[in-house]
Amino acid sequence: MFESRSDPLAPRWVFARRVIKYASIAVIVISVALGIGILGYHYIARFSWIDSLLNASMILGGMGPMGDLPSDAAKVFASFYALFSGLVFISVMGIVLAPAAHRALHHFHLDEEDQKP
């Protein structure tokens, strides 16, 4: 996937393409997580579609819920969705930062004769 320690540093266009690829994967992960939240709030908490979007977005973004939850099932869903959202946040940050972290670490491990001025 990425170049190994013995390979030279990838050109900037390869790095840019890699960043775009991983950012696209992060957008897909966020979209799936948001979709799960929207469907859960709509069908379990009986919120309207727009209120479901608002609540799912707020929890996924780390802000917290916006409305009162009408039932115990909705409260249980909101609890599990909040925990799930925290894991999604950590995972997305790892996905987005992976190309830059790899490039920085790979740059530090290059021998001086391998680096171009």
N, C-alpha and C. Protein backbone atom coordinates (compact mmCIF):
# COMPACT_ATOMS: atom_id res chain seq x y z
N MET A 1 0.83 -1.18 0.00
CA MET A 1 0.00 0.00 0.00
C MET A 1 0.88 1.25 0.00
N PHE A 2 1.69 1.43 1.04
CA PHE A 2 2.65 2.52 1.08
C PHE A 2 4.02 1.96 0.74
N GLU A 3 4.95 2.85 0.43
CA GLU A 3 6.31 2.39 0.13
C GLU A 3 6.97 1.91 1.43
N SER A 4 7.88 0.94 1.26
CA SER A 4 8.56 0.38 2.43
C SER A 4 9.74 1.26 2.81
N ARG A 5 10.38 0.89 3.89
CA ARG A 5 11.50 1.66 4.42
C ARG A 5 12.64 1.77 3.41
N SER A 6 12.85 0.74 2.61
CA SER A 6 13.97 0.74 1.67
C SER A 6 13.66 1.48 0.37
N ASP A 7 12.40 1.79 0.12
CA ASP A 7 12.01 2.52 -1.09
C ASP A 7 12.24 4.03 -0.93
N PRO A 8 12.46 4.73 -2.03
CA PRO A 8 12.59 6.18 -1.93
C PRO A 8 11.26 6.83 -1.60
N LEU A 9 11.33 8.08 -1.17
CA LEU A 9 10.12 8.84 -0.85
C LEU A 9 9.26 8.99 -2.10
N ALA A 10 7.98 8.77 -1.96
CA ALA A 10 7.07 8.86 -3.11
C ALA A 10 6.99 10.30 -3.61
N PRO A 11 6.80 10.48 -4.92
CA PRO A 11 6.64 11.84 -5.45
C PRO A 11 5.40 12.52 -4.88
N ARG A 12 5.37 13.84 -4.99
CA ARG A 12 4.24 14.60 -4.43
C ARG A 12 2.91 14.22 -5.06
N TRP A 13 2.89 13.91 -6.34
CA TRP A 13 1.62 13.55 -6.99
C TRP A 13 1.10 12.23 -6.44
N VAL A 14 1.99 11.29 -6.10
CA VAL A 14 1.56 10.03 -5.50
C VAL A 14 0.99 10.30 -4.11
N PHE A 15 1.68 11.17 -3.36
CA PHE A 15 1.19 11.53 -2.03
C PHE A 15 -0.16 12.23 -2.11
N ALA A 16 -0.32 13.16 -3.05
CA ALA A 16 -1.60 13.87 -3.20
C ALA A 16 -2.73 12.90 -3.56
N ARG A 17 -2.44 11.97 -4.45
CA ARG A 17 -3.45 10.98 -4.83
C ARG A 17 -3.82 10.10 -3.64
N ARG A 18 -2.82 9.77 -2.83
CA ARG A 18 -3.05 8.96 -1.62
C ARG A 18 -3.92 9.73 -0.62
N VAL A 19 -3.66 11.01 -0.44
CA VAL A 19 -4.46 11.82 0.47
C VAL A 19 -5.90 11.89 0.00
N ILE A 20 -6.11 12.07 -1.29
CA ILE A 20 -7.47 12.12 -1.84
C ILE A 20 -8.18 10.78 -1.64
N LYS A 21 -7.46 9.69 -1.87
CA LYS A 21 -8.04 8.35 -1.70
C LYS A 21 -8.49 8.13 -0.25
N TYR A 22 -7.61 8.48 0.70
CA TYR A 22 -7.94 8.25 2.10
C TYR A 22 -9.00 9.22 2.61
N ALA A 23 -9.02 10.44 2.10
CA ALA A 23 -10.08 11.38 2.45
C ALA A 23 -11.43 10.88 1.92
N SER A 24 -11.42 10.27 0.74
CA SER A 24 -12.65 9.70 0.18
C SER A 24 -13.15 8.54 1.03
N ILE A 25 -12.24 7.71 1.49
CA ILE A 25 -12.63 6.60 2.38
C ILE A 25 -13.23 7.16 3.67
N ALA A 26 -12.64 8.23 4.20
CA ALA A 26 -13.16 8.85 5.43
C ALA A 26 -14.56 9.40 5.20
N VAL A 27 -14.80 10.01 4.06
CA VAL A 27 -16.13 10.54 3.75
C VAL A 27 -17.16 9.40 3.67
N ILE A 28 -16.76 8.28 3.10
CA ILE A 28 -17.66 7.12 3.02
C ILE A 28 -17.98 6.60 4.41
N VAL A 29 -16.97 6.48 5.26
CA VAL A 29 -17.19 6.00 6.63
C VAL A 29 -18.13 6.95 7.39
N ILE A 30 -17.90 8.25 7.25
CA ILE A 30 -18.76 9.23 7.92
C ILE A 30 -20.19 9.15 7.37
N SER A 31 -20.34 8.99 6.07
CA SER A 31 -21.67 8.90 5.47
C SER A 31 -22.43 7.68 5.96
N VAL A 32 -21.75 6.54 6.06
CA VAL A 32 -22.40 5.33 6.57
C VAL A 32 -22.80 5.52 8.03
N ALA A 33 -21.91 6.09 8.84
CA ALA A 33 -22.22 6.31 10.25
C ALA A 33 -23.38 7.29 10.41
N LEU A 34 -23.40 8.34 9.60
CA LEU A 34 -24.50 9.30 9.65
C LEU A 34 -25.80 8.65 9.21
N GLY A 35 -25.74 7.81 8.19
CA GLY A 35 -26.93 7.09 7.74
C GLY A 35 -27.50 6.18 8.82
N ILE A 36 -26.62 5.49 9.54
CA ILE A 36 -27.08 4.64 10.65
C ILE A 36 -27.79 5.48 11.70
N GLY A 37 -27.21 6.62 12.03
CA GLY A 37 -27.83 7.50 13.03
C GLY A 37 -29.16 8.06 12.58
N ILE A 38 -29.23 8.48 11.33
CA ILE A 38 -30.48 9.04 10.81
C ILE A 38 -31.59 7.99 10.85
N LEU A 39 -31.27 6.78 10.37
CA LEU A 39 -32.29 5.72 10.37
C LEU A 39 -32.69 5.34 11.79
N GLY A 40 -31.73 5.26 12.68
CA GLY A 40 -32.05 4.91 14.07
C GLY A 40 -32.93 5.94 14.74
N TYR A 41 -32.58 7.21 14.59
CA TYR A 41 -33.40 8.25 15.21
C TYR A 41 -34.78 8.33 14.57
N HIS A 42 -34.86 8.08 13.28
CA HIS A 42 -36.16 8.16 12.62
C HIS A 42 -37.07 7.00 13.02
N TYR A 43 -36.53 5.79 12.99
CA TYR A 43 -37.38 4.62 13.23
C TYR A 43 -37.48 4.23 14.70
N ILE A 44 -36.46 4.49 15.50
CA ILE A 44 -36.52 4.10 16.92
C ILE A 44 -37.07 5.23 17.77
N ALA A 45 -36.57 6.45 17.57
CA ALA A 45 -37.03 7.59 18.37
C ALA A 45 -38.24 8.28 17.76
N ARG A 46 -38.61 7.90 16.54
CA ARG A 46 -39.77 8.47 15.84
C ARG A 46 -39.62 9.98 15.58
N PHE A 47 -38.38 10.41 15.31
CA PHE A 47 -38.15 11.80 14.94
C PHE A 47 -38.43 11.97 13.46
N SER A 48 -38.69 13.21 13.06
CA SER A 48 -38.83 13.49 11.62
C SER A 48 -37.46 13.32 10.96
N TRP A 49 -37.45 13.29 9.64
CA TRP A 49 -36.17 13.07 8.93
C TRP A 49 -35.18 14.18 9.23
N ILE A 50 -35.65 15.41 9.27
CA ILE A 50 -34.72 16.53 9.50
C ILE A 50 -34.22 16.54 10.94
N ASP A 51 -35.08 16.19 11.89
CA ASP A 51 -34.65 16.10 13.29
C ASP A 51 -33.69 14.92 13.48
N SER A 52 -33.94 13.84 12.73
CA SER A 52 -33.03 12.69 12.78
C SER A 52 -31.65 13.08 12.25
N LEU A 53 -31.63 13.81 11.15
CA LEU A 53 -30.36 14.29 10.59
C LEU A 53 -29.65 15.20 11.59
N LEU A 54 -30.38 16.11 12.20
CA LEU A 54 -29.79 17.03 13.17
C LEU A 54 -29.18 16.28 14.35
N ASN A 55 -29.94 15.37 14.94
CA ASN A 55 -29.44 14.63 16.11
C ASN A 55 -28.26 13.74 15.75
N ALA A 56 -28.35 13.04 14.64
CA ALA A 56 -27.24 12.16 14.23
C ALA A 56 -25.98 12.99 13.94
N SER A 57 -26.14 14.12 13.29
CA SER A 57 -25.00 14.98 12.99
C SER A 57 -24.38 15.54 14.26
N MET A 58 -25.21 15.96 15.19
CA MET A 58 -24.70 16.53 16.43
C MET A 58 -23.94 15.50 17.25
N ILE A 59 -24.45 14.29 17.33
CA ILE A 59 -23.76 13.26 18.10
C ILE A 59 -22.50 12.83 17.37
N LEU A 60 -22.58 12.65 16.07
CA LEU A 60 -21.40 12.24 15.30
C LEU A 60 -20.31 13.30 15.37
N GLY A 61 -20.70 14.56 15.46
CA GLY A 61 -19.73 15.64 15.58
C GLY A 61 -19.25 15.90 17.00
N GLY A 62 -19.81 15.19 17.96
CA GLY A 62 -19.36 15.32 19.34
C GLY A 62 -20.07 16.39 20.14
N MET A 63 -21.17 16.92 19.64
CA MET A 63 -21.86 18.01 20.33
C MET A 63 -22.95 17.53 21.30
N GLY A 64 -23.53 16.40 21.05
CA GLY A 64 -24.60 15.91 21.91
C GLY A 64 -25.96 16.03 21.23
N PRO A 65 -26.97 15.36 21.79
CA PRO A 65 -28.30 15.35 21.18
C PRO A 65 -29.01 16.70 21.33
N MET A 66 -29.97 16.93 20.46
CA MET A 66 -30.71 18.19 20.44
C MET A 66 -32.11 18.07 21.06
N GLY A 67 -32.73 16.91 21.00
CA GLY A 67 -34.11 16.80 21.46
C GLY A 67 -34.24 15.78 22.59
N ASP A 68 -35.40 15.79 23.22
CA ASP A 68 -35.70 14.81 24.26
C ASP A 68 -36.05 13.49 23.60
N LEU A 69 -35.56 12.43 24.17
CA LEU A 69 -35.82 11.10 23.62
C LEU A 69 -37.08 10.55 24.27
N PRO A 70 -38.04 10.11 23.46
CA PRO A 70 -39.36 9.76 23.98
C PRO A 70 -39.46 8.40 24.66
N SER A 71 -38.55 7.47 24.39
CA SER A 71 -38.72 6.13 24.94
C SER A 71 -37.38 5.59 25.42
N ASP A 72 -37.47 4.50 26.16
CA ASP A 72 -36.25 3.85 26.64
C ASP A 72 -35.45 3.26 25.48
N ALA A 73 -36.13 2.74 24.48
CA ALA A 73 -35.43 2.19 23.31
C ALA A 73 -34.64 3.27 22.60
N ALA A 74 -35.21 4.46 22.51
CA ALA A 74 -34.51 5.58 21.88
C ALA A 74 -33.30 5.99 22.69
N LYS A 75 -33.41 5.94 24.00
CA LYS A 75 -32.28 6.29 24.87
C LYS A 75 -31.16 5.26 24.76
N VAL A 76 -31.53 4.00 24.66
CA VAL A 76 -30.52 2.94 24.48
C VAL A 76 -29.83 3.11 23.13
N PHE A 77 -30.62 3.37 22.08
CA PHE A 77 -30.02 3.60 20.77
C PHE A 77 -29.07 4.79 20.82
N ALA A 78 -29.50 5.90 21.42
CA ALA A 78 -28.66 7.09 21.49
C ALA A 78 -27.37 6.82 22.25
N SER A 79 -27.44 5.99 23.28
CA SER A 79 -26.24 5.65 24.04
C SER A 79 -25.25 4.88 23.18
N PHE A 80 -25.75 3.86 22.51
CA PHE A 80 -24.86 3.06 21.66
C PHE A 80 -24.36 3.86 20.45
N TYR A 81 -25.20 4.73 19.92
CA TYR A 81 -24.78 5.54 18.78
C TYR A 81 -23.70 6.54 19.20
N ALA A 82 -23.80 7.06 20.41
CA ALA A 82 -22.78 7.99 20.90
C ALA A 82 -21.44 7.27 21.06
N LEU A 83 -21.45 6.06 21.60
CA LEU A 83 -20.21 5.29 21.72
C LEU A 83 -19.65 4.94 20.35
N PHE A 84 -20.52 4.53 19.45
CA PHE A 84 -20.13 4.22 18.08
C PHE A 84 -19.55 5.44 17.40
N SER A 85 -20.14 6.61 17.62
CA SER A 85 -19.66 7.84 17.00
C SER A 85 -18.26 8.21 17.48
N GLY A 86 -17.99 7.96 18.75
CA GLY A 86 -16.64 8.21 19.26
C GLY A 86 -15.61 7.34 18.56
N LEU A 87 -15.94 6.09 18.35
CA LEU A 87 -15.03 5.19 17.64
C LEU A 87 -14.88 5.59 16.18
N VAL A 88 -15.96 6.04 15.57
CA VAL A 88 -15.89 6.51 14.18
C VAL A 88 -14.98 7.73 14.09
N PHE A 89 -15.09 8.64 15.04
CA PHE A 89 -14.25 9.83 15.04
C PHE A 89 -12.78 9.46 15.11
N ILE A 90 -12.43 8.57 16.02
CA ILE A 90 -11.03 8.13 16.15
C ILE A 90 -10.57 7.43 14.88
N SER A 91 -11.40 6.58 14.32
CA SER A 91 -11.04 5.85 13.10
C SER A 91 -10.85 6.79 11.92
N VAL A 92 -11.74 7.75 11.77
CA VAL A 92 -11.64 8.70 10.65
C VAL A 92 -10.37 9.55 10.79
N MET A 93 -10.05 9.95 12.00
CA MET A 93 -8.82 10.72 12.19
C MET A 93 -7.60 9.88 11.80
N GLY A 94 -7.61 8.61 12.14
CA GLY A 94 -6.51 7.72 11.74
C GLY A 94 -6.43 7.56 10.23
N ILE A 95 -7.58 7.43 9.60
CA ILE A 95 -7.61 7.27 8.14
C ILE A 95 -7.08 8.53 7.46
N VAL A 96 -7.52 9.68 7.92
CA VAL A 96 -7.13 10.95 7.27
C VAL A 96 -5.65 11.25 7.51
N LEU A 97 -5.16 10.96 8.70
CA LEU A 97 -3.78 11.31 9.04
C LEU A 97 -2.75 10.26 8.60
N ALA A 98 -3.19 9.09 8.20
CA ALA A 98 -2.26 8.00 7.85
C ALA A 98 -1.28 8.39 6.74
N PRO A 99 -1.71 8.95 5.62
CA PRO A 99 -0.73 9.29 4.58
C PRO A 99 0.32 10.30 5.04
N ALA A 100 -0.10 11.33 5.75
CA ALA A 100 0.85 12.34 6.21
C ALA A 100 1.80 11.78 7.26
N ALA A 101 1.28 10.98 8.17
CA ALA A 101 2.13 10.38 9.20
C ALA A 101 3.15 9.43 8.57
N HIS A 102 2.70 8.64 7.61
CA HIS A 102 3.62 7.72 6.95
C HIS A 102 4.70 8.48 6.19
N ARG A 103 4.30 9.52 5.49
CA ARG A 103 5.29 10.30 4.72
C ARG A 103 6.31 10.95 5.65
N ALA A 104 5.86 11.50 6.77
CA ALA A 104 6.78 12.14 7.71
C ALA A 104 7.75 11.10 8.30
N LEU A 105 7.23 9.97 8.72
CA LEU A 105 8.09 8.94 9.29
C LEU A 105 9.04 8.37 8.24
N HIS A 106 8.56 8.20 7.04
CA HIS A 106 9.40 7.68 5.96
C HIS A 106 10.51 8.69 5.64
N HIS A 107 10.18 9.96 5.67
CA HIS A 107 11.18 11.00 5.40
C HIS A 107 12.28 10.99 6.46
N PHE A 108 11.92 10.77 7.71
CA PHE A 108 12.91 10.74 8.79
C PHE A 108 13.81 9.51 8.72
N HIS A 109 13.33 8.44 8.12
CA HIS A 109 14.11 7.21 8.05
C HIS A 109 14.99 7.11 6.81
N LEU A 110 14.89 8.06 5.90
CA LEU A 110 15.70 8.01 4.71
C LEU A 110 17.16 8.31 5.05
N ASP A 111 18.06 7.64 4.35
CA ASP A 111 19.48 7.98 4.50
C ASP A 111 19.73 9.33 3.82
N GLU A 112 20.76 10.00 4.23
CA GLU A 112 21.04 11.32 3.67
C GLU A 112 21.31 11.27 2.17
N GLU A 113 21.91 10.20 1.67
CA GLU A 113 22.19 10.13 0.26
C GLU A 113 20.93 9.84 -0.55
N ASP A 114 19.86 9.35 0.09
CA ASP A 114 18.61 9.09 -0.60
C ASP A 114 17.77 10.36 -0.78
N GLN A 115 18.02 11.37 0.05
CA GLN A 115 17.22 12.58 -0.02
C GLN A 115 17.71 13.48 -1.15
N LYS A 116 16.75 14.06 -1.84
CA LYS A 116 17.10 15.00 -2.92
C LYS A 116 17.13 16.40 -2.36
N PRO A 117 18.05 17.25 -2.82
CA PRO A 117 18.13 18.61 -2.28
C PRO A 117 16.94 19.46 -2.67
